[in-house]
Structure formats: C-alpha cells, structure tokens
C-alpha cells in the first residue's frame, strides 16, 4: 500500500444536485491553487426539452471566487441518470476532460442502440484523455491514480488522490449498498471484483460517492471510509461472497425501473457532454423504442 500517499489530504468540496441525487466535487491540491472537478451536472427539463446550467455555474463560481485553476474535468463513468456539463465548464474556465478508456465499449454499444451514423466517432476522441488502469495524472502538485472498476458500466474508474478516492457509482454509502449492474455492458461479478479492489485500499482512505438517496429519511451524505464500507456495507460488508452478491444484485436489478434520464444522458455523456445534433445542426435527442 506504499503507493498511496495518505499524508496528502486534498480539499474536497461537494455539490449536491437534488434533481438527480448526484454529488459533484471540486478537489483542490492543498499545496497550490489547482483543482479538478468530478462528475459535473447539466440541468435538463426533459419534458420541455430545455437545458440550463445552474449546477455547473455553481461549480464555476466557486472555482473562480476561490481563485483556482482547473486542471481536469473528470467523469468517473458514462452516467445514465444525469447529463454532464463538462464542455460547458471547459469553455468557461478550461480544464481537460478525462474518462476511462473503456468508453470505446460504451460508445460502440450505445452507438448501435441510438442508431448513430458514421459521423459519431467511436474512438473516444471527444475526450482529452482516456485513462487506462494504473495511469496517473497531476492536479497541481498532487498525483492522481486511476483504478479500473467496471461492473456498473465498462468504463467505470475510481480515482485516488492522496487519502481520497472518488468511486463513481461502484459503491454507495454503507446503508445503501452498491449500484445496479444490469445496463448493457454491466456485470454483477465484475462489480463485486471492483468493490473488493476498492475495499483493499487502506482502512482510513476517504471514499466519496457519486450519488446518495438519503436512505430511510436520513440526511444526504457522500463521504465514508474503506473501513466503514468493509464492515458495514449492506451488500458486501462482513464477508459477503461473490456468489451471494451476484445472486442478490441480479434479483434486485430485475425489480428496478430505468433511470428517468437514461435516454438523454447516454446520448450526451458518450459524447463527453455534447448534445447531438440533427442534419441541420440543431440540438436533437433520439428516443429508441424498445432499445433498452
């Protein structure tokens, strides 16, 4: 575990989006004025077909008011429940957009679902950096390490920065368990293996969730530790076997409805946050019938 610098403690600011129960993060290097943004949200009124940027503007305002330099805009995975604001933020305050290299699998899978033509590039070129397992990058003077953690989606990546790890949807808070694994490209066995990889990190590593739903009416929370997850997570804590987890996850996923925003989210997020356009260049979303 000596590759993890637990003495380095990034400053983490969480921003909760009530509409999608997403937490976006501004992660600052304590030794400089550099930062990264994780899992930004673009607001959408799906019924009206209207996109706005209140959540992204709040992130931008904090970065600018604190005098920070944005190095990275990170997507932990291709989200199915909210639209990314990455290109909007990049246009306003810079930063490189990064995601896991398995985005190519996601683009190929959902390029077919949405009947995308040859103009839709399936090579990840919409992003500035595609992270392989074990890659590193810098946020100011802090080194970030990427760990491939597929299962919820093929492109899921956990990002470890000092004593903090940003786990995306791979894990939820201990009383909420784990994410579903039934989307195209998902796999419950892979998800279990990825969770075990996260739980092999040092006990006191801080874990930051991408979503929280206020289980049993409690206040929204998004930070826990490896030790707390290992001991108390309702889906994998206390030594749950891989076989039992796969059985539980498969049965549970069969009861879940599709996320409300999955159709617009996938089309936008596999393009690094850009809204697709029709033949006249106008922003336009498709609704595949019986495609998911």
C-alpha atoms as a PDB file:
ATOM      1  CA  UNK A   1       0.000   0.000   0.000  1.00  0.00           C
ATOM      2  CA  UNK A   2       3.047   2.291  -0.055  1.00  0.00           C
ATOM      3  CA  UNK A   3       1.966   3.727  -3.413  1.00  0.00           C
ATOM      4  CA  UNK A   4      -0.842   5.630  -1.667  1.00  0.00           C
ATOM      5  CA  UNK A   5       0.194   8.907  -0.048  1.00  0.00           C
ATOM      6  CA  UNK A   6      -2.262   9.049   2.844  1.00  0.00           C
ATOM      7  CA  UNK A   7      -0.470  12.089   4.268  1.00  0.00           C
ATOM      8  CA  UNK A   8      -1.676  14.116   1.285  1.00  0.00           C
ATOM      9  CA  UNK A   9      -5.198  15.346   2.022  1.00  0.00           C
ATOM     10  CA  UNK A  10      -6.946  17.137  -0.838  1.00  0.00           C
ATOM     11  CA  UNK A  11      -9.566  19.747  -0.036  1.00  0.00           C
ATOM     12  CA  UNK A  12     -12.883  18.277  -1.248  1.00  0.00           C
ATOM     13  CA  UNK A  13     -15.992  20.410  -1.769  1.00  0.00           C
ATOM     14  CA  UNK A  14     -19.215  18.513  -2.524  1.00  0.00           C
ATOM     15  CA  UNK A  15     -22.139  19.947  -4.507  1.00  0.00           C
ATOM     16  CA  UNK A  16     -25.422  18.007  -4.331  1.00  0.00           C
ATOM     17  CA  UNK A  17     -27.859  18.060  -7.247  1.00  0.00           C
ATOM     18  CA  UNK A  18     -31.297  17.248  -5.855  1.00  0.00           C
ATOM     19  CA  UNK A  19     -32.864  16.516  -9.247  1.00  0.00           C
ATOM     20  CA  UNK A  20     -30.505  13.586  -9.922  1.00  0.00           C
ATOM     21  CA  UNK A  21     -29.166  12.865  -6.413  1.00  0.00           C
ATOM     22  CA  UNK A  22     -25.678  13.412  -7.832  1.00  0.00           C
ATOM     23  CA  UNK A  23     -22.730  14.812  -5.922  1.00  0.00           C
ATOM     24  CA  UNK A  24     -20.192  16.767  -7.962  1.00  0.00           C
ATOM     25  CA  UNK A  25     -16.834  17.575  -6.425  1.00  0.00           C
ATOM     26  CA  UNK A  26     -14.243  20.307  -6.586  1.00  0.00           C
ATOM     27  CA  UNK A  27     -10.976  18.684  -5.482  1.00  0.00           C
ATOM     28  CA  UNK A  28      -8.173  21.126  -4.626  1.00  0.00           C
ATOM     29  CA  UNK A  29      -4.492  20.465  -4.163  1.00  0.00           C
ATOM     30  CA  UNK A  30      -3.758  21.907  -0.668  1.00  0.00           C
ATOM     31  CA  UNK A  31      -0.279  22.901  -1.811  1.00  0.00           C
ATOM     32  CA  UNK A  32      -1.374  25.042  -4.757  1.00  0.00           C
ATOM     33  CA  UNK A  33      -4.388  26.768  -6.293  1.00  0.00           C
ATOM     34  CA  UNK A  34      -5.020  23.926  -8.769  1.00  0.00           C
ATOM     35  CA  UNK A  35      -8.120  21.732  -8.739  1.00  0.00           C
ATOM     36  CA  UNK A  36     -10.215  19.148 -10.572  1.00  0.00           C
ATOM     37  CA  UNK A  37     -13.978  18.792 -10.964  1.00  0.00           C
ATOM     38  CA  UNK A  38     -15.577  15.355 -10.750  1.00  0.00           C
ATOM     39  CA  UNK A  39     -18.941  14.363 -12.259  1.00  0.00           C
ATOM     40  CA  UNK A  40     -20.491  17.703 -13.143  1.00  0.00           C
ATOM     41  CA  UNK A  41     -24.212  18.019 -13.903  1.00  0.00           C
ATOM     42  CA  UNK A  42     -26.031  19.834 -16.690  1.00  0.00           C
ATOM     43  CA  UNK A  43     -29.653  20.628 -15.812  1.00  0.00           C
ATOM     44  CA  UNK A  44     -32.418  19.403 -18.095  1.00  0.00           C
ATOM     45  CA  UNK A  45     -36.185  19.758 -18.104  1.00  0.00           C
ATOM     46  CA  UNK A  46     -36.755  16.619 -20.165  1.00  0.00           C
ATOM     47  CA  UNK A  47     -40.484  17.169 -20.667  1.00  0.00           C
ATOM     48  CA  UNK A  48     -39.848  20.639 -22.076  1.00  0.00           C
ATOM     49  CA  UNK A  49     -36.630  19.739 -23.884  1.00  0.00           C
ATOM     50  CA  UNK A  50     -34.845  22.589 -22.120  1.00  0.00           C
ATOM     51  CA  UNK A  51     -31.210  22.565 -20.952  1.00  0.00           C
ATOM     52  CA  UNK A  52     -29.803  25.029 -18.406  1.00  0.00           C
ATOM     53  CA  UNK A  53     -26.623  25.278 -16.343  1.00  0.00           C
ATOM     54  CA  UNK A  54     -27.411  26.297 -12.756  1.00  0.00           C
ATOM     55  CA  UNK A  55     -25.485  23.406 -11.206  1.00  0.00           C
ATOM     56  CA  UNK A  56     -22.462  23.895 -13.451  1.00  0.00           C
ATOM     57  CA  UNK A  57     -22.499  27.638 -12.828  1.00  0.00           C
ATOM     58  CA  UNK A  58     -22.294  26.996  -9.082  1.00  0.00           C
ATOM     59  CA  UNK A  59     -19.139  24.926  -9.647  1.00  0.00           C
ATOM     60  CA  UNK A  60     -17.679  27.565 -11.952  1.00  0.00           C
ATOM     61  CA  UNK A  61     -18.453  30.342  -9.472  1.00  0.00           C
ATOM     62  CA  UNK A  62     -16.713  28.513  -6.630  1.00  0.00           C
ATOM     63  CA  UNK A  63     -13.634  27.837  -8.726  1.00  0.00           C
ATOM     64  CA  UNK A  64     -13.377  31.465  -9.853  1.00  0.00           C
ATOM     65  CA  UNK A  65     -14.240  33.004  -6.468  1.00  0.00           C
ATOM     66  CA  UNK A  66     -11.539  30.916  -4.788  1.00  0.00           C
ATOM     67  CA  UNK A  67      -9.036  31.902  -7.462  1.00  0.00           C
ATOM     68  CA  UNK A  68      -8.461  28.291  -8.533  1.00  0.00           C
ATOM     69  CA  UNK A  69      -7.000  26.898 -11.738  1.00  0.00           C
ATOM     70  CA  UNK A  70      -8.991  23.993 -13.171  1.00  0.00           C
ATOM     71  CA  UNK A  71      -6.705  21.227 -14.435  1.00  0.00           C
ATOM     72  CA  UNK A  72      -9.204  18.418 -15.046  1.00  0.00           C
ATOM     73  CA  UNK A  73     -12.906  17.733 -15.559  1.00  0.00           C
ATOM     74  CA  UNK A  74     -13.249  14.053 -14.693  1.00  0.00           C
ATOM     75  CA  UNK A  75     -16.077  11.654 -15.473  1.00  0.00           C
ATOM     76  CA  UNK A  76     -15.951   8.564 -13.260  1.00  0.00           C
ATOM     77  CA  UNK A  77     -18.106   6.782 -15.884  1.00  0.00           C
ATOM     78  CA  UNK A  78     -20.784   7.363 -18.528  1.00  0.00           C
ATOM     79  CA  UNK A  79     -23.678   8.388 -16.314  1.00  0.00           C
ATOM     80  CA  UNK A  80     -27.194   7.133 -17.023  1.00  0.00           C
ATOM     81  CA  UNK A  81     -29.030   9.467 -14.654  1.00  0.00           C
ATOM     82  CA  UNK A  82     -27.715  12.937 -15.414  1.00  0.00           C
ATOM     83  CA  UNK A  83     -26.124  14.901 -18.234  1.00  0.00           C
ATOM     84  CA  UNK A  84     -22.510  16.010 -17.967  1.00  0.00           C
ATOM     85  CA  UNK A  85     -21.684  19.719 -18.081  1.00  0.00           C
ATOM     86  CA  UNK A  86     -18.025  19.073 -18.936  1.00  0.00           C
ATOM     87  CA  UNK A  87     -17.824  21.010 -22.249  1.00  0.00           C
ATOM     88  CA  UNK A  88     -19.762  23.943 -20.786  1.00  0.00           C
ATOM     89  CA  UNK A  89     -17.333  24.154 -17.862  1.00  0.00           C
ATOM     90  CA  UNK A  90     -14.321  23.700 -20.134  1.00  0.00           C
ATOM     91  CA  UNK A  91     -15.493  26.561 -22.336  1.00  0.00           C
ATOM     92  CA  UNK A  92     -15.838  28.846 -19.301  1.00  0.00           C
ATOM     93  CA  UNK A  93     -12.739  28.032 -17.203  1.00  0.00           C
ATOM     94  CA  UNK A  94     -10.646  25.459 -19.065  1.00  0.00           C
ATOM     95  CA  UNK A  95      -9.523  22.022 -17.898  1.00  0.00           C
ATOM     96  CA  UNK A  96      -9.033  18.736 -19.743  1.00  0.00           C
ATOM     97  CA  UNK A  97     -11.907  16.230 -19.912  1.00  0.00           C
ATOM     98  CA  UNK A  98     -10.980  12.679 -18.884  1.00  0.00           C
ATOM     99  CA  UNK A  99     -12.756   9.307 -18.680  1.00  0.00           C
ATOM    100  CA  UNK A 100     -11.833   5.606 -18.605  1.00  0.00           C
ATOM    101  CA  UNK A 101     -10.564   4.051 -21.843  1.00  0.00           C
ATOM    102  CA  UNK A 102     -13.459   1.585 -21.917  1.00  0.00           C
ATOM    103  CA  UNK A 103     -15.585   4.491 -23.141  1.00  0.00           C
ATOM    104  CA  UNK A 104     -14.929   2.886 -26.541  1.00  0.00           C
ATOM    105  CA  UNK A 105     -17.011  -0.126 -25.448  1.00  0.00           C
ATOM    106  CA  UNK A 106     -19.803   2.175 -24.274  1.00  0.00           C
ATOM    107  CA  UNK A 107     -19.730   4.185 -27.493  1.00  0.00           C
ATOM    108  CA  UNK A 108     -19.878   1.045 -29.603  1.00  0.00           C
ATOM    109  CA  UNK A 109     -22.737  -0.430 -27.557  1.00  0.00           C
ATOM    110  CA  UNK A 110     -24.926   2.666 -27.420  1.00  0.00           C
ATOM    111  CA  UNK A 111     -23.967   3.868 -30.878  1.00  0.00           C
ATOM    112  CA  UNK A 112     -25.957   0.852 -32.038  1.00  0.00           C
ATOM    113  CA  UNK A 113     -28.817   1.427 -29.575  1.00  0.00           C
ATOM    114  CA  UNK A 114     -29.272   5.003 -30.805  1.00  0.00           C
ATOM    115  CA  UNK A 115     -28.597   4.079 -34.451  1.00  0.00           C
ATOM    116  CA  UNK A 116     -25.801   6.628 -34.706  1.00  0.00           C
ATOM    117  CA  UNK A 117     -24.294   7.134 -38.129  1.00  0.00           C
ATOM    118  CA  UNK A 118     -20.666   7.137 -39.175  1.00  0.00           C
ATOM    119  CA  UNK A 119     -20.336  10.779 -38.102  1.00  0.00           C
ATOM    120  CA  UNK A 120     -20.413   9.606 -34.475  1.00  0.00           C
ATOM    121  CA  UNK A 121     -16.798   8.778 -33.645  1.00  0.00           C
ATOM    122  CA  UNK A 122     -16.458   5.653 -31.514  1.00  0.00           C
ATOM    123  CA  UNK A 123     -12.780   6.196 -30.674  1.00  0.00           C
ATOM    124  CA  UNK A 124     -13.148   8.360 -27.556  1.00  0.00           C
ATOM    125  CA  UNK A 125     -11.811  11.386 -29.432  1.00  0.00           C
ATOM    126  CA  UNK A 126     -14.491  13.591 -27.840  1.00  0.00           C
ATOM    127  CA  UNK A 127     -12.429  13.399 -24.618  1.00  0.00           C
ATOM    128  CA  UNK A 128      -8.987  14.890 -23.959  1.00  0.00           C
ATOM    129  CA  UNK A 129      -7.666  11.847 -22.054  1.00  0.00           C
ATOM    130  CA  UNK A 130      -8.679   8.198 -21.876  1.00  0.00           C
ATOM    131  CA  UNK A 131      -7.398   6.606 -18.674  1.00  0.00           C
ATOM    132  CA  UNK A 132      -6.028   3.082 -18.591  1.00  0.00           C
ATOM    133  CA  UNK A 133      -5.850   1.107 -15.356  1.00  0.00           C
ATOM    134  CA  UNK A 134      -2.917   2.391 -13.307  1.00  0.00           C
ATOM    135  CA  UNK A 135      -2.492   5.669 -15.173  1.00  0.00           C
ATOM    136  CA  UNK A 136      -1.524   8.785 -13.253  1.00  0.00           C
ATOM    137  CA  UNK A 137      -2.148  12.485 -13.809  1.00  0.00           C
ATOM    138  CA  UNK A 138      -1.494  15.636 -11.822  1.00  0.00           C
ATOM    139  CA  UNK A 139      -3.833  18.025 -10.034  1.00  0.00           C
ATOM    140  CA  UNK A 140      -1.428  20.800  -9.207  1.00  0.00           C
ATOM    141  CA  UNK A 141       1.332  19.037  -7.277  1.00  0.00           C
ATOM    142  CA  UNK A 142      -0.848  16.074  -6.303  1.00  0.00           C
ATOM    143  CA  UNK A 143      -0.667  12.808  -8.213  1.00  0.00           C
ATOM    144  CA  UNK A 144      -3.933  11.056  -9.051  1.00  0.00           C
ATOM    145  CA  UNK A 145      -4.062   7.312  -9.721  1.00  0.00           C
ATOM    146  CA  UNK A 146      -6.748   5.608 -11.807  1.00  0.00           C
ATOM    147  CA  UNK A 147      -8.122   2.185 -10.916  1.00  0.00           C
ATOM    148  CA  UNK A 148     -10.370   0.407 -13.402  1.00  0.00           C
ATOM    149  CA  UNK A 149     -13.523  -0.640 -11.502  1.00  0.00           C
ATOM    150  CA  UNK A 150     -16.040  -1.948 -14.089  1.00  0.00           C
ATOM    151  CA  UNK A 151     -19.302  -3.726 -13.407  1.00  0.00           C
ATOM    152  CA  UNK A 152     -21.833  -0.921 -13.199  1.00  0.00           C
ATOM    153  CA  UNK A 153     -20.545   0.123 -16.626  1.00  0.00           C
ATOM    154  CA  UNK A 154     -17.439  -0.981 -18.555  1.00  0.00           C
ATOM    155  CA  UNK A 155     -15.826   2.474 -18.296  1.00  0.00           C
ATOM    156  CA  UNK A 156     -16.105   2.939 -14.513  1.00  0.00           C
ATOM    157  CA  UNK A 157     -12.876   4.230 -12.946  1.00  0.00           C
ATOM    158  CA  UNK A 158     -12.015   5.031  -9.331  1.00  0.00           C
ATOM    159  CA  UNK A 159      -9.668   7.997  -8.922  1.00  0.00           C
ATOM    160  CA  UNK A 160      -7.329   8.015  -5.915  1.00  0.00           C
ATOM    161  CA  UNK A 161      -5.838  11.380  -4.921  1.00  0.00           C
ATOM    162  CA  UNK A 162      -3.898  11.360  -1.673  1.00  0.00           C
ATOM    163  CA  UNK A 163      -6.165   9.996   1.066  1.00  0.00           C
ATOM    164  CA  UNK A 164      -9.315  10.393  -1.064  1.00  0.00           C
ATOM    165  CA  UNK A 165     -10.890   8.055  -3.621  1.00  0.00           C
ATOM    166  CA  UNK A 166     -13.749   9.025  -5.925  1.00  0.00           C
ATOM    167  CA  UNK A 167     -15.641   5.813  -6.631  1.00  0.00           C
ATOM    168  CA  UNK A 168     -18.391   6.929  -9.005  1.00  0.00           C
ATOM    169  CA  UNK A 169     -21.376   4.556  -8.850  1.00  0.00           C
ATOM    170  CA  UNK A 170     -19.396   1.448  -7.900  1.00  0.00           C
ATOM    171  CA  UNK A 171     -20.291   1.911  -4.233  1.00  0.00           C
ATOM    172  CA  UNK A 172     -22.933   3.815  -2.300  1.00  0.00           C
ATOM    173  CA  UNK A 173     -22.917   4.772   1.380  1.00  0.00           C
ATOM    174  CA  UNK A 174     -22.815   1.695   3.662  1.00  0.00           C
ATOM    175  CA  UNK A 175     -26.563   1.764   4.332  1.00  0.00           C
ATOM    176  CA  UNK A 176     -27.322   1.924   0.596  1.00  0.00           C
ATOM    177  CA  UNK A 177     -25.043  -0.792  -0.763  1.00  0.00           C
ATOM    178  CA  UNK A 178     -23.987  -0.860  -4.404  1.00  0.00           C
ATOM    179  CA  UNK A 179     -25.025   0.242  -7.869  1.00  0.00           C
ATOM    180  CA  UNK A 180     -27.000  -1.821 -10.355  1.00  0.00           C
ATOM    181  CA  UNK A 181     -25.202  -3.964 -12.913  1.00  0.00           C
ATOM    182  CA  UNK A 182     -27.915  -4.656 -15.494  1.00  0.00           C
ATOM    183  CA  UNK A 183     -27.244  -1.923 -18.053  1.00  0.00           C
ATOM    184  CA  UNK A 184     -25.733  -3.091 -21.368  1.00  0.00           C
ATOM    185  CA  UNK A 185     -22.086  -3.864 -20.621  1.00  0.00           C
ATOM    186  CA  UNK A 186     -22.700  -4.204 -16.882  1.00  0.00           C
ATOM    187  CA  UNK A 187     -21.780  -7.351 -14.955  1.00  0.00           C
ATOM    188  CA  UNK A 188     -22.518  -8.213 -11.327  1.00  0.00           C
ATOM    189  CA  UNK A 189     -19.441 -10.407 -10.971  1.00  0.00           C
ATOM    190  CA  UNK A 190     -17.186  -7.655 -12.291  1.00  0.00           C
ATOM    191  CA  UNK A 191     -18.887  -5.202  -9.950  1.00  0.00           C
ATOM    192  CA  UNK A 192     -18.122  -7.417  -6.953  1.00  0.00           C
ATOM    193  CA  UNK A 193     -14.487  -7.717  -8.007  1.00  0.00           C
ATOM    194  CA  UNK A 194     -14.255  -3.948  -8.420  1.00  0.00           C
ATOM    195  CA  UNK A 195     -15.776  -3.350  -4.999  1.00  0.00           C
ATOM    196  CA  UNK A 196     -13.288  -5.758  -3.461  1.00  0.00           C
ATOM    197  CA  UNK A 197     -10.493  -3.819  -5.160  1.00  0.00           C
ATOM    198  CA  UNK A 198     -11.733  -0.598  -3.574  1.00  0.00           C
ATOM    199  CA  UNK A 199     -12.111  -2.287  -0.192  1.00  0.00           C
ATOM    200  CA  UNK A 200      -8.487  -3.438  -0.390  1.00  0.00           C
ATOM    201  CA  UNK A 201      -7.382   0.196  -0.145  1.00  0.00           C
ATOM    202  CA  UNK A 202      -6.084   1.418   3.247  1.00  0.00           C
ATOM    203  CA  UNK A 203      -8.688   1.492   6.028  1.00  0.00           C
ATOM    204  CA  UNK A 204      -8.640   5.241   6.530  1.00  0.00           C
ATOM    205  CA  UNK A 205      -8.879   6.124   2.833  1.00  0.00           C
ATOM    206  CA  UNK A 206     -11.772   8.550   2.400  1.00  0.00           C
ATOM    207  CA  UNK A 207     -14.356   7.400  -0.153  1.00  0.00           C
ATOM    208  CA  UNK A 208     -16.553   9.880  -1.995  1.00  0.00           C
ATOM    209  CA  UNK A 209     -19.819   8.731  -3.562  1.00  0.00           C
ATOM    210  CA  UNK A 210     -21.320   9.978  -6.819  1.00  0.00           C
ATOM    211  CA  UNK A 211     -24.887   9.508  -5.552  1.00  0.00           C
ATOM    212  CA  UNK A 212     -26.855   9.396  -2.330  1.00  0.00           C
ATOM    213  CA  UNK A 213     -30.592   8.984  -1.789  1.00  0.00           C
ATOM    214  CA  UNK A 214     -30.997   9.698   1.936  1.00  0.00           C
ATOM    215  CA  UNK A 215     -31.641   6.091   2.926  1.00  0.00           C
ATOM    216  CA  UNK A 216     -34.565   5.763   5.383  1.00  0.00           C
ATOM    217  CA  UNK A 217     -35.017   9.511   5.504  1.00  0.00           C
ATOM    218  CA  UNK A 218     -31.546  10.399   6.814  1.00  0.00           C
ATOM    219  CA  UNK A 219     -29.705  13.497   5.646  1.00  0.00           C
ATOM    220  CA  UNK A 220     -27.808  13.276   2.368  1.00  0.00           C
ATOM    221  CA  UNK A 221     -24.247  12.047   2.893  1.00  0.00           C
ATOM    222  CA  UNK A 222     -21.411  11.375   0.472  1.00  0.00           C
ATOM    223  CA  UNK A 223     -18.238  10.651   2.431  1.00  0.00           C
ATOM    224  CA  UNK A 224     -17.236   7.454   4.223  1.00  0.00           C
ATOM    225  CA  UNK A 225     -14.096   5.302   4.607  1.00  0.00           C
ATOM    226  CA  UNK A 226     -12.846   1.982   3.323  1.00  0.00           C
ATOM    227  CA  UNK A 227     -13.058   0.560   6.842  1.00  0.00           C
ATOM    228  CA  UNK A 228     -16.671   1.643   7.276  1.00  0.00           C
ATOM    229  CA  UNK A 229     -17.682   0.196   3.902  1.00  0.00           C
ATOM    230  CA  UNK A 230     -15.853  -3.064   4.520  1.00  0.00           C
ATOM    231  CA  UNK A 231     -17.519  -3.567   7.875  1.00  0.00           C
ATOM    232  CA  UNK A 232     -20.995  -2.142   7.318  1.00  0.00           C
ATOM    233  CA  UNK A 233     -21.951  -2.031   3.618  1.00  0.00           C
ATOM    234  CA  UNK A 234     -25.290  -3.826   3.386  1.00  0.00           C
ATOM    235  CA  UNK A 235     -24.406  -5.547   0.095  1.00  0.00           C
ATOM    236  CA  UNK A 236     -20.755  -6.517   0.547  1.00  0.00           C
ATOM    237  CA  UNK A 237     -19.801  -5.801   4.158  1.00  0.00           C
ATOM    238  CA  UNK A 238     -18.857  -8.506   6.623  1.00  0.00           C
ATOM    239  CA  UNK A 239     -17.554 -11.001   4.104  1.00  0.00           C
ATOM    240  CA  UNK A 240     -20.348 -11.378   1.534  1.00  0.00           C
ATOM    241  CA  UNK A 241     -19.277 -13.959  -1.057  1.00  0.00           C
ATOM    242  CA  UNK A 242     -19.110 -13.258  -4.770  1.00  0.00           C
ATOM    243  CA  UNK A 243     -21.800 -15.858  -5.447  1.00  0.00           C
ATOM    244  CA  UNK A 244     -24.183 -14.334  -2.904  1.00  0.00           C
ATOM    245  CA  UNK A 245     -23.557 -10.835  -4.226  1.00  0.00           C
ATOM    246  CA  UNK A 246     -24.247 -11.852  -7.832  1.00  0.00           C
ATOM    247  CA  UNK A 247     -27.482 -13.540  -6.759  1.00  0.00           C
ATOM    248  CA  UNK A 248     -28.597 -10.520  -4.721  1.00  0.00           C
ATOM    249  CA  UNK A 249     -27.614  -7.997  -7.379  1.00  0.00           C
ATOM    250  CA  UNK A 250     -29.304  -9.937 -10.212  1.00  0.00           C
ATOM    251  CA  UNK A 251     -32.555 -10.359  -8.291  1.00  0.00           C
ATOM    252  CA  UNK A 252     -32.581  -6.766  -7.124  1.00  0.00           C
ATOM    253  CA  UNK A 253     -31.772  -5.308 -10.548  1.00  0.00           C
ATOM    254  CA  UNK A 254     -34.707  -7.181 -12.076  1.00  0.00           C
ATOM    255  CA  UNK A 255     -37.040  -5.068  -9.901  1.00  0.00           C
ATOM    256  CA  UNK A 256     -35.561  -1.669 -10.780  1.00  0.00           C
ATOM    257  CA  UNK A 257     -37.041   0.769 -13.282  1.00  0.00           C
ATOM    258  CA  UNK A 258     -34.822   2.520 -15.805  1.00  0.00           C
ATOM    259  CA  UNK A 259     -33.458   5.902 -14.638  1.00  0.00           C
ATOM    260  CA  UNK A 260     -35.704   8.753 -15.717  1.00  0.00           C
ATOM    261  CA  UNK A 261     -32.967  10.480 -17.711  1.00  0.00           C
ATOM    262  CA  UNK A 262     -31.183   7.451 -19.166  1.00  0.00           C
ATOM    263  CA  UNK A 263     -32.106   8.208 -22.788  1.00  0.00           C
ATOM    264  CA  UNK A 264     -30.795  11.794 -22.934  1.00  0.00           C
ATOM    265  CA  UNK A 265     -27.931  11.047 -20.532  1.00  0.00           C
ATOM    266  CA  UNK A 266     -26.356   8.273 -22.569  1.00  0.00           C
ATOM    267  CA  UNK A 267     -26.559  10.203 -25.841  1.00  0.00           C
ATOM    268  CA  UNK A 268     -24.917  13.260 -24.304  1.00  0.00           C
ATOM    269  CA  UNK A 269     -22.404  11.621 -21.982  1.00  0.00           C
ATOM    270  CA  UNK A 270     -20.905   9.238 -24.529  1.00  0.00           C
ATOM    271  CA  UNK A 271     -20.094  12.446 -26.443  1.00  0.00           C
ATOM    272  CA  UNK A 272     -18.261  13.980 -23.448  1.00  0.00           C
ATOM    273  CA  UNK A 273     -21.262  16.182 -22.627  1.00  0.00           C
ATOM    274  CA  UNK A 274     -22.037  17.472 -26.105  1.00  0.00           C
ATOM    275  CA  UNK A 275     -25.685  17.361 -27.175  1.00  0.00           C
ATOM    276  CA  UNK A 276     -26.116  15.534 -30.518  1.00  0.00           C
ATOM    277  CA  UNK A 277     -27.441  17.458 -33.493  1.00  0.00           C
ATOM    278  CA  UNK A 278     -29.694  16.664 -36.423  1.00  0.00           C
ATOM    279  CA  UNK A 279     -28.801  17.057 -40.099  1.00  0.00           C
ATOM    280  CA  UNK A 280     -29.434  20.814 -39.859  1.00  0.00           C
ATOM    281  CA  UNK A 281     -27.059  21.177 -36.916  1.00  0.00           C
ATOM    282  CA  UNK A 282     -29.825  21.728 -34.365  1.00  0.00           C
ATOM    283  CA  UNK A 283     -29.551  20.059 -30.920  1.00  0.00           C
ATOM    284  CA  UNK A 284     -31.716  16.945 -31.024  1.00  0.00           C
ATOM    285  CA  UNK A 285     -32.177  13.803 -28.913  1.00  0.00           C
ATOM    286  CA  UNK A 286     -33.492  10.420 -30.061  1.00  0.00           C
ATOM    287  CA  UNK A 287     -35.843   8.036 -28.248  1.00  0.00           C
ATOM    288  CA  UNK A 288     -35.123   4.432 -29.248  1.00  0.00           C
ATOM    289  CA  UNK A 289     -38.287   2.333 -28.905  1.00  0.00           C
ATOM    290  CA  UNK A 290     -37.717  -0.945 -27.008  1.00  0.00           C
ATOM    291  CA  UNK A 291     -33.982  -0.366 -27.298  1.00  0.00           C
ATOM    292  CA  UNK A 292     -33.027  -0.566 -23.632  1.00  0.00           C
END
